[in-house]
Amino acid sequence: MGNKKTTALSGAVLAAVMLTMSACGGGGGGATGEVAAPPSDPKEVSGKIRVLTQRTDLVQNGVLKQYAAEFKKVYPKVDVSFDGITDYEGEVKIRMNTKEYGDVLFIPGAVAKNDYPKFFAPLGTTAELSKYRFGDKTEVDGKVYGIAQFGTANGFVYNRKLWKQAGVTAWPKTQEEFLAGLKAIKEKTDATPYYTNFKDGWPLVQWTSNLGVAGCDAGASNALAGPVSPWKAGSELNTTDTLLYDIAKQGLSEKDPTTTNWETSKALLGEGRIATMMLGSWSITQMQAAAVEAGGRASDIGFMPFPVQKDGKHCAALVSDYQQAVSVYSENKPAARAWIDWFTEKSGFAEKEGVVSAVKSAPMPTTLKEFVDNDVRFFDRSEAKTAIVNDIDEAAEIGLNKQDYRQKLIDTARGAAKGSLEDFFADLNKRWDEAAKTVGS
């Protein structure tokens, strides 16, 4: 599944909290500030462009080639080629020490936000790109340097038959109700109520994408930019991480988390041997395919919001996937920008993948129909202070966008590591606050 995994990582890890290493050295310096503006006449745009992508599966099976053929009907003088890269983050970081890193690429997590102007052409002002979601994620000094490939909502993907068998037919409104549902699944079925995907690790980072859900707060990520004790009682991170702790503490997850396997977990959920997993909505189509392969139906797979309500309604944060950018060194910037706009707005890719379009006016995908029908309140989480938050996170050596601290949280819950939840949170708060005073907010 490697390729889909990188989509997950970009949808949650890189979207939730981008890294701010500025280790990409030599690619900068040649920036002209030339805007990669949308071309006015498709027939006049020409040239060859190379698009870097982590979706090696879509390169190998010819799907991206089909998109390029459709694009060529609108832009007949533009030739698009694709470079599928398995280790996208590692490989592109190396390439960016040169001027040869394609015409269109996803912004790697290793590039510090303030360094975007060194490597990418501005796409326009914040106002000019206001029709797209997540613009503040790549905004530097009023200019936007990336357009999201798509967005994703966070929640629990689950096997409906198992939850129904346990007697739960309505979405839990509280964490207590959610835990009670998992207990009922444990008692009334042979399935594992919750699967952590502990060993692969990256799915644990999906929990970070819930920032803002408890308070329906679009500014929850920005609020971390300071000595604010992020895990204090009642906070967003305290709420989400306490639920994960309780799941493990009460024996509602797999018996040995060190043996989990992501690829296997999809089949197990589809077959009804796992009931629930925390993932982004990008995963729904994969799980539905697994259910069909196991002899079931796509409708066996459901998606529920985090079990907490604000003013009587569930909330769901929409977070950005990888951001598409134009290389500052591209010799065909109009063609590169044309591809990004067409792929985002006209290709139908987001709809086909069942993810949230980056275009604000586009309808929600059918995968989130239940969220829409049940008045789940969506909000685009602001990432305006991403750079500061990531600096603090890095200095504190916690890793909101890494799996380690949540693996330790699970180990603490199941008794494999010493300490209490209170001590665990107190340590995180202390490290965060000390780092924030050093970094400054």
Protein backbone atom coordinates (compact mmCIF):
# COMPACT_ATOMS: atom_id res chain seq x y z
CA MET A 1 0.00 0.00 0.00
CA GLY A 2 3.05 2.26 0.21
CA ASN A 3 1.63 4.82 -2.19
CA LYS A 4 -1.68 5.20 -0.42
CA LYS A 5 0.19 5.43 2.86
CA THR A 6 2.06 8.48 1.67
CA THR A 7 -1.28 10.00 0.78
CA ALA A 8 -2.33 9.37 4.35
CA LEU A 9 0.83 10.86 5.68
CA SER A 10 0.45 13.93 3.56
CA GLY A 11 -3.27 14.20 4.46
CA ALA A 12 -2.68 14.04 8.16
CA VAL A 13 0.95 14.33 9.15
CA LEU A 14 2.09 16.99 6.73
CA ALA A 15 -1.27 18.67 6.76
CA ALA A 16 -1.64 18.78 10.48
CA VAL A 17 1.83 20.00 11.31
CA MET A 18 4.49 20.57 8.64
CA LEU A 19 8.12 20.13 9.55
CA THR A 20 10.29 23.21 9.48
CA MET A 21 13.75 21.87 8.78
CA SER A 22 15.51 24.24 6.43
CA ALA A 23 18.02 21.61 5.39
CA CYS A 24 17.28 21.92 1.70
CA GLY A 25 20.26 24.19 1.06
CA GLY A 26 21.40 24.88 -2.44
CA GLY A 27 18.18 25.01 -4.44
CA GLY A 28 17.51 28.59 -3.41
CA GLY A 29 19.14 31.77 -4.46
CA GLY A 30 17.77 32.00 -7.97
CA ALA A 31 14.32 33.17 -7.01
CA THR A 32 12.98 35.88 -9.29
CA GLY A 33 9.63 36.41 -7.63
CA GLU A 34 7.97 35.81 -11.01
CA VAL A 35 4.35 34.88 -10.38
CA ALA A 36 3.14 31.60 -11.89
CA ALA A 37 -0.12 33.19 -12.94
CA PRO A 38 -3.07 31.36 -14.53
CA PRO A 39 -2.82 31.64 -18.35
CA SER A 40 -5.63 33.53 -20.05
CA ASP A 41 -5.71 31.53 -23.29
CA PRO A 42 -5.22 27.72 -23.10
CA LYS A 43 -4.38 27.54 -26.82
CA GLU A 44 -1.40 29.86 -26.36
CA VAL A 45 0.23 27.90 -23.50
CA SER A 46 2.98 25.55 -24.64
CA GLY A 47 5.92 23.53 -23.38
CA LYS A 48 6.83 20.36 -21.56
CA ILE A 49 6.32 20.04 -17.80
CA ARG A 50 7.39 17.34 -15.39
CA VAL A 51 5.17 16.62 -12.40
CA LEU A 52 6.68 14.95 -9.32
CA THR A 53 4.31 12.71 -7.34
CA GLN A 54 4.37 10.22 -4.49
CA ARG A 55 1.51 8.29 -6.13
CA THR A 56 3.69 5.76 -7.90
CA ASP A 57 0.65 3.49 -8.19
CA LEU A 58 -1.16 6.04 -10.38
CA VAL A 59 1.94 6.40 -12.53
CA GLN A 60 2.40 2.66 -12.96
CA ASN A 61 -1.24 1.86 -13.73
CA GLY A 62 -1.52 4.69 -16.25
CA VAL A 63 -4.19 6.65 -14.40
CA LEU A 64 -2.18 9.88 -14.34
CA LYS A 65 -1.45 9.44 -18.03
CA GLN A 66 -5.21 9.40 -18.62
CA TYR A 67 -5.56 12.67 -16.69
CA ALA A 68 -2.77 14.16 -18.82
CA ALA A 69 -4.64 13.13 -21.98
CA GLU A 70 -7.75 14.93 -20.75
CA PHE A 71 -5.67 17.98 -19.86
CA LYS A 72 -4.18 18.01 -23.38
CA LYS A 73 -7.67 18.41 -24.84
CA VAL A 74 -7.81 21.81 -23.15
CA TYR A 75 -4.11 22.68 -23.44
CA PRO A 76 -3.09 21.05 -26.75
CA LYS A 77 0.42 22.49 -26.82
CA VAL A 78 1.44 21.27 -23.35
CA ASP A 79 3.06 17.87 -22.77
CA VAL A 80 2.88 16.47 -19.22
CA SER A 81 5.15 13.73 -17.88
CA PHE A 82 5.19 12.24 -14.39
CA ASP A 83 7.97 11.19 -12.07
CA GLY A 84 6.66 8.74 -9.45
CA ILE A 85 8.87 8.72 -6.35
CA THR A 86 8.48 6.07 -3.65
CA ASP A 87 10.52 7.85 -0.96
CA TYR A 88 9.07 11.20 -1.91
CA GLU A 89 10.20 13.21 1.11
CA GLY A 90 13.76 11.86 1.11
CA GLU A 91 14.35 11.95 -2.63
CA VAL A 92 12.85 15.37 -3.33
CA LYS A 93 14.78 16.94 -0.47
CA ILE A 94 17.99 15.79 -2.16
CA ARG A 95 16.87 16.99 -5.60
CA MET A 96 16.12 20.42 -4.20
CA ASN A 97 19.84 20.96 -3.65
CA THR A 98 19.88 21.43 -7.43
CA LYS A 99 17.63 23.33 -9.83
CA GLU A 100 16.26 20.07 -11.22
CA TYR A 101 13.19 19.21 -9.17
CA GLY A 102 10.49 19.23 -11.79
CA ASP A 103 8.05 21.94 -12.81
CA VAL A 104 5.19 20.92 -10.51
CA LEU A 105 5.79 19.23 -7.18
CA PHE A 106 4.26 18.65 -3.77
CA ILE A 107 5.91 20.85 -1.16
CA PRO A 108 8.05 18.50 0.99
CA GLY A 109 7.64 18.72 4.75
CA ALA A 110 11.36 19.40 5.09
CA VAL A 111 11.08 22.88 3.57
CA ALA A 112 10.62 25.62 6.16
CA LYS A 113 7.60 27.78 5.41
CA ASN A 114 9.65 30.98 5.35
CA ASP A 115 11.91 29.40 2.71
CA TYR A 116 9.09 28.83 0.21
CA PRO A 117 10.03 31.92 -1.86
CA LYS A 118 13.51 30.43 -2.43
CA PHE A 119 12.15 27.28 -4.03
CA PHE A 120 8.65 27.97 -5.37
CA ALA A 121 7.06 30.59 -7.59
CA PRO A 122 4.28 32.61 -5.98
CA LEU A 123 0.85 31.67 -7.34
CA GLY A 124 -0.81 34.94 -6.42
CA THR A 125 -2.02 36.87 -3.40
CA THR A 126 -4.18 35.48 -0.63
CA ALA A 127 -7.16 37.38 -2.06
CA GLU A 128 -6.55 36.09 -5.59
CA LEU A 129 -6.56 32.49 -4.38
CA SER A 130 -9.41 32.85 -1.91
CA LYS A 131 -11.56 30.34 -3.81
CA TYR A 132 -9.27 27.55 -2.57
CA ARG A 133 -9.21 26.05 0.91
CA PHE A 134 -6.11 26.00 3.11
CA GLY A 135 -4.42 29.04 1.54
CA ASP A 136 -2.90 30.18 4.83
CA LYS A 137 -0.83 26.99 4.99
CA THR A 138 1.51 28.23 2.24
CA GLU A 139 1.09 31.99 2.61
CA VAL A 140 4.29 33.99 3.10
CA ASP A 141 4.12 37.79 3.25
CA GLY A 142 0.72 37.89 1.58
CA LYS A 143 1.65 35.57 -1.29
CA VAL A 144 0.48 31.98 -1.65
CA TYR A 145 2.99 29.34 -2.79
CA GLY A 146 0.88 26.18 -2.90
CA ILE A 147 -2.62 24.94 -3.73
CA ALA A 148 -3.81 21.87 -1.84
CA GLN A 149 -4.27 18.73 -3.91
CA PHE A 150 -7.32 18.04 -1.76
CA GLY A 151 -8.49 18.04 1.84
CA THR A 152 -9.57 15.34 4.23
CA ALA A 153 -11.87 15.11 7.22
CA ASN A 154 -10.93 13.09 10.27
CA GLY A 155 -12.99 10.49 12.10
CA PHE A 156 -13.39 6.81 12.85
CA VAL A 157 -13.76 4.40 9.96
CA TYR A 158 -15.81 1.46 11.25
CA ASN A 159 -17.54 -1.79 10.37
CA ARG A 160 -21.28 -1.09 10.63
CA LYS A 161 -22.26 -4.74 11.05
CA LEU A 162 -20.07 -5.12 14.13
CA TRP A 163 -21.33 -1.95 15.79
CA LYS A 164 -24.92 -2.96 15.01
CA GLN A 165 -24.27 -6.44 16.37
CA ALA A 166 -23.11 -4.78 19.58
CA GLY A 167 -26.38 -2.84 19.74
CA VAL A 168 -25.00 0.56 18.74
CA THR A 169 -26.80 2.16 15.80
CA ALA A 170 -26.33 5.88 16.55
CA TRP A 171 -23.03 7.74 16.60
CA PRO A 172 -21.67 8.11 20.15
CA LYS A 173 -21.99 11.71 21.34
CA THR A 174 -19.49 11.43 24.18
CA GLN A 175 -16.24 9.59 24.83
CA GLU A 176 -18.03 7.55 27.48
CA GLU A 177 -20.60 6.39 24.93
CA PHE A 178 -17.83 5.57 22.47
CA LEU A 179 -15.93 3.47 25.02
CA ALA A 180 -19.19 1.74 26.01
CA GLY A 181 -19.70 0.87 22.34
CA LEU A 182 -16.22 -0.64 22.10
CA LYS A 183 -16.87 -2.66 25.27
CA ALA A 184 -20.12 -3.99 23.81
CA ILE A 185 -18.26 -5.06 20.66
CA LYS A 186 -15.71 -6.88 22.81
CA GLU A 187 -18.44 -8.65 24.77
CA LYS A 188 -20.82 -9.51 21.93
CA THR A 189 -18.49 -10.24 19.02
CA ASP A 190 -15.16 -11.92 18.36
CA ALA A 191 -13.74 -8.77 16.78
CA THR A 192 -11.03 -6.44 18.04
CA PRO A 193 -13.00 -3.28 19.00
CA TYR A 194 -10.26 -0.80 18.11
CA TYR A 195 -7.03 -1.20 16.12
CA THR A 196 -4.19 1.24 16.78
CA ASN A 197 -1.84 0.38 13.88
CA PHE A 198 0.85 0.91 16.52
CA LYS A 199 3.70 -0.79 14.66
CA ASP A 200 3.42 1.14 11.37
CA GLY A 201 3.02 4.17 13.58
CA TRP A 202 1.92 6.81 11.10
CA PRO A 203 -1.82 6.16 11.68
CA LEU A 204 -1.30 7.31 15.28
CA VAL A 205 -0.47 10.75 13.91
CA GLN A 206 -4.00 10.89 12.50
CA TRP A 207 -5.11 11.74 16.03
CA THR A 208 -3.37 15.11 15.69
CA SER A 209 -5.77 15.94 12.85
CA ASN A 210 -8.55 16.15 15.45
CA LEU A 211 -7.17 19.45 16.73
CA GLY A 212 -10.14 21.80 17.04
CA VAL A 213 -12.83 19.12 16.99
CA ALA A 214 -13.67 19.22 20.70
CA GLY A 215 -14.38 22.95 20.67
CA CYS A 216 -15.25 23.24 16.95
CA ASP A 217 -12.33 25.66 16.89
CA ALA A 218 -10.70 26.50 13.56
CA GLY A 219 -7.89 28.27 15.41
CA ALA A 220 -6.93 25.36 17.66
CA SER A 221 -3.61 24.73 15.91
CA ASN A 222 -2.63 28.41 16.02
CA ALA A 223 -3.47 28.46 19.73
CA LEU A 224 -0.53 26.13 20.39
CA ALA A 225 1.93 28.92 19.50
CA GLY A 226 3.13 29.72 23.01
CA PRO A 227 3.65 28.34 26.54
CA VAL A 228 0.02 27.24 26.73
CA SER A 229 0.33 23.76 28.32
CA PRO A 230 -1.42 22.05 25.36
CA TRP A 231 -2.33 18.94 27.39
CA LYS A 232 -3.96 20.76 30.32
CA ALA A 233 -7.38 19.54 31.44
CA GLY A 234 -10.12 20.33 28.97
CA SER A 235 -7.75 21.11 26.10
CA GLU A 236 -8.03 19.68 22.59
CA LEU A 237 -4.97 17.42 22.87
CA ASN A 238 -5.94 16.31 26.38
CA THR A 239 -9.38 15.31 25.10
CA THR A 240 -8.17 13.29 22.11
CA ASP A 241 -5.15 11.67 23.75
CA THR A 242 -7.17 10.71 26.84
CA LEU A 243 -9.55 8.75 24.61
CA LEU A 244 -6.68 6.86 22.99
CA TYR A 245 -5.22 6.17 26.45
CA ASP A 246 -8.57 4.89 27.76
CA ILE A 247 -9.03 2.60 24.76
CA ALA A 248 -5.67 0.92 25.44
CA LYS A 249 -6.05 1.02 29.24
CA GLN A 250 -9.41 -0.74 29.13
CA GLY A 251 -8.13 -3.49 26.83
CA LEU A 252 -10.26 -2.44 23.88
CA SER A 253 -7.45 -2.49 21.32
CA GLU A 254 -5.37 -5.35 19.91
CA LYS A 255 -3.61 -7.56 22.46
CA ASP A 256 -0.09 -6.97 21.17
CA PRO A 257 0.22 -3.58 19.45
CA THR A 258 3.82 -4.25 18.43
CA THR A 259 2.60 -6.78 15.83
CA THR A 260 0.06 -4.63 13.97
CA ASN A 261 0.17 -4.35 10.18
CA TRP A 262 -1.42 -1.58 8.11
CA GLU A 263 -2.04 -3.62 4.96
CA THR A 264 -3.57 -6.45 6.96
CA SER A 265 -5.73 -4.05 8.95
CA LYS A 266 -7.69 -3.00 5.86
CA ALA A 267 -8.66 -6.60 5.15
CA LEU A 268 -9.46 -7.24 8.83
CA LEU A 269 -11.82 -4.25 8.97
CA GLY A 270 -13.49 -5.30 5.73
CA GLU A 271 -13.90 -8.87 6.96
CA GLY A 272 -15.36 -7.75 10.28
CA ARG A 273 -12.45 -8.83 12.47
CA ILE A 274 -11.65 -5.22 13.43
CA ALA A 275 -14.44 -2.81 14.31
CA THR A 276 -12.89 0.66 14.37
CA MET A 277 -9.85 2.73 13.37
CA MET A 278 -9.03 6.45 13.58
CA LEU A 279 -8.20 7.64 10.07
CA GLY A 280 -8.82 10.43 7.59
CA SER A 281 -11.75 10.25 5.19
CA TRP A 282 -9.23 9.44 2.43
CA SER A 283 -9.30 5.88 3.80
CA ILE A 284 -13.00 5.22 3.27
CA THR A 285 -12.77 4.06 -0.34
CA GLN A 286 -9.89 1.72 0.54
CA MET A 287 -11.84 0.14 3.38
CA GLN A 288 -14.95 -0.21 1.22
CA ALA A 289 -12.88 -1.99 -1.43
CA ALA A 290 -11.53 -4.33 1.27
CA ALA A 291 -15.07 -5.12 2.44
CA VAL A 292 -16.16 -5.99 -1.11
CA GLU A 293 -13.07 -8.15 -1.57
CA ALA A 294 -13.99 -10.02 1.63
CA GLY A 295 -17.41 -10.83 0.17
CA GLY A 296 -19.27 -8.00 1.86
CA ARG A 297 -20.59 -4.67 0.63
CA ALA A 298 -19.10 -1.21 0.46
CA SER A 299 -21.97 -0.03 2.67
CA ASP A 300 -20.62 -2.25 5.48
CA ILE A 301 -18.05 0.50 6.07
CA GLY A 302 -19.08 3.68 7.86
CA PHE A 303 -17.36 6.84 9.03
CA MET A 304 -18.21 8.50 12.33
CA PRO A 305 -17.08 11.82 13.79
CA PHE A 306 -15.04 12.16 16.97
CA PRO A 307 -17.34 11.42 19.95
CA VAL A 308 -17.78 14.91 21.32
CA GLN A 309 -20.32 17.62 20.54
CA LYS A 310 -20.35 21.41 20.61
CA ASP A 311 -23.78 23.02 20.99
CA GLY A 312 -25.43 19.71 20.18
CA LYS A 313 -23.50 19.06 16.97
CA HIS A 314 -20.51 16.99 15.97
CA CYS A 315 -17.62 18.85 14.37
CA ALA A 316 -15.04 17.73 11.84
CA ALA A 317 -11.81 19.49 10.94
CA LEU A 318 -10.86 19.67 7.28
CA VAL A 319 -7.11 19.56 6.81
CA SER A 320 -4.93 19.93 3.75
CA ASP A 321 -3.22 17.17 1.83
CA TYR A 322 0.08 17.88 0.07
CA GLN A 323 0.28 21.35 -1.48
CA GLN A 324 0.99 21.60 -5.21
CA ALA A 325 3.66 24.14 -6.13
CA VAL A 326 5.55 25.43 -9.16
CA SER A 327 9.36 25.31 -9.07
CA VAL A 328 10.95 28.72 -9.05
CA TYR A 329 13.29 27.35 -11.74
CA SER A 330 10.56 26.07 -14.07
CA GLU A 331 10.94 27.43 -17.59
CA ASN A 332 7.27 26.76 -18.31
CA LYS A 333 5.51 28.39 -15.37
CA PRO A 334 2.25 29.17 -17.24
CA ALA A 335 1.93 25.50 -18.28
CA ALA A 336 2.80 24.34 -14.75
CA ARG A 337 0.17 26.63 -13.22
CA ALA A 338 -2.36 25.51 -15.83
CA TRP A 339 -1.85 21.90 -14.78
CA ILE A 340 -2.34 22.69 -11.07
CA ASP A 341 -5.53 24.67 -11.67
CA TRP A 342 -6.97 22.09 -14.06
CA PHE A 343 -6.09 19.14 -11.85
CA THR A 344 -7.59 20.82 -8.78
CA GLU A 345 -10.74 22.17 -10.40
CA LYS A 346 -11.56 20.20 -13.55
CA SER A 347 -10.01 16.71 -13.38
CA GLY A 348 -12.57 15.13 -11.04
CA PHE A 349 -9.70 13.58 -9.07
CA ALA A 350 -11.01 14.61 -5.63
CA GLU A 351 -14.49 13.30 -6.41
CA LYS A 352 -13.14 9.99 -7.71
CA GLU A 353 -10.89 9.53 -4.67
CA GLY A 354 -13.72 10.41 -2.28
CA VAL A 355 -11.81 13.31 -0.72
CA VAL A 356 -12.66 16.96 -0.08
CA SER A 357 -12.05 19.28 -3.02
CA ALA A 358 -9.71 22.20 -2.39
CA VAL A 359 -12.27 24.37 -4.17
CA LYS A 360 -14.48 25.90 -1.47
CA SER A 361 -17.60 25.94 -3.63
CA ALA A 362 -17.40 22.23 -4.53
CA PRO A 363 -19.83 19.87 -2.80
CA MET A 364 -18.64 17.41 -0.17
CA PRO A 365 -17.76 13.95 -1.57
CA THR A 366 -20.25 11.09 -1.34
CA THR A 367 -17.95 9.42 1.19
CA LEU A 368 -18.98 12.17 3.65
CA LYS A 369 -22.70 12.08 2.80
CA GLU A 370 -23.61 10.88 6.29
CA PHE A 371 -21.67 13.78 7.82
CA VAL A 372 -23.57 16.21 5.60
CA ASP A 373 -26.96 14.54 6.22
CA ASN A 374 -26.42 14.61 9.99
CA ASP A 375 -25.35 18.26 10.08
CA VAL A 376 -21.77 17.62 11.14
CA ARG A 377 -20.15 21.04 11.28
CA PHE A 378 -17.08 21.21 9.02
CA PHE A 379 -14.37 23.78 9.54
CA ASP A 380 -11.09 24.48 7.73
CA ARG A 381 -8.43 24.46 10.40
CA SER A 382 -6.20 27.52 10.16
CA GLU A 383 -2.48 26.86 9.82
CA ALA A 384 -1.35 30.50 9.96
CA LYS A 385 1.08 29.87 12.85
CA THR A 386 2.36 26.51 11.61
CA ALA A 387 5.98 27.67 11.51
CA ILE A 388 6.04 28.77 15.18
CA VAL A 389 4.11 25.72 16.38
CA ASN A 390 6.51 23.40 14.58
CA ASP A 391 9.55 25.23 15.97
CA ILE A 392 8.20 24.73 19.50
CA ASP A 393 7.30 21.11 18.81
CA GLU A 394 10.78 20.40 17.46
CA ALA A 395 12.54 22.17 20.34
CA ALA A 396 10.39 20.27 22.86
CA GLU A 397 11.22 16.99 21.06
CA ILE A 398 7.59 15.85 21.34
CA GLY A 399 6.59 15.25 17.73
CA LEU A 400 2.94 16.07 17.13
CA ASN A 401 3.53 14.84 13.60
CA LYS A 402 5.43 11.72 14.63
CA GLN A 403 4.22 8.52 16.20
CA ASP A 404 6.65 8.16 19.09
CA TYR A 405 4.87 10.04 21.83
CA ARG A 406 1.55 8.31 21.18
CA GLN A 407 3.28 4.94 21.09
CA LYS A 408 4.62 5.80 24.54
CA LEU A 409 1.11 6.88 25.57
CA ILE A 410 -0.27 3.47 24.56
CA ASP A 411 2.62 1.68 26.28
CA THR A 412 1.91 3.65 29.45
CA ALA A 413 -1.79 2.74 29.25
CA ARG A 414 -1.13 -0.98 28.84
CA GLY A 415 1.59 -1.11 31.49
CA ALA A 416 4.54 -1.59 29.15
CA ALA A 417 5.94 1.77 30.31
CA LYS A 418 5.84 3.23 33.81
CA GLY A 419 3.84 6.24 34.89
CA SER A 420 0.33 7.62 34.97
CA LEU A 421 -1.61 9.61 32.40
CA GLU A 422 -1.38 12.68 34.62
CA ASP A 423 2.40 12.40 34.83
CA PHE A 424 2.59 11.81 31.07
CA PHE A 425 0.63 14.97 30.29
CA ALA A 426 2.51 16.99 32.90
CA ASP A 427 5.81 16.06 31.26
CA LEU A 428 4.52 17.04 27.81
CA ASN A 429 3.23 20.38 29.11
CA LYS A 430 6.52 21.15 30.86
CA ARG A 431 8.59 20.40 27.78
CA TRP A 432 6.27 22.35 25.50
CA ASP A 433 6.14 25.43 27.72
CA GLU A 434 9.90 25.52 28.24
CA ALA A 435 10.49 25.20 24.51
CA ALA A 436 7.91 27.91 23.75
CA LYS A 437 9.74 30.37 26.01
CA THR A 438 12.97 29.59 24.15
CA VAL A 439 11.49 29.81 20.66
CA GLY A 440 9.26 32.76 21.49
CA SER A 441 5.74 33.33 20.29
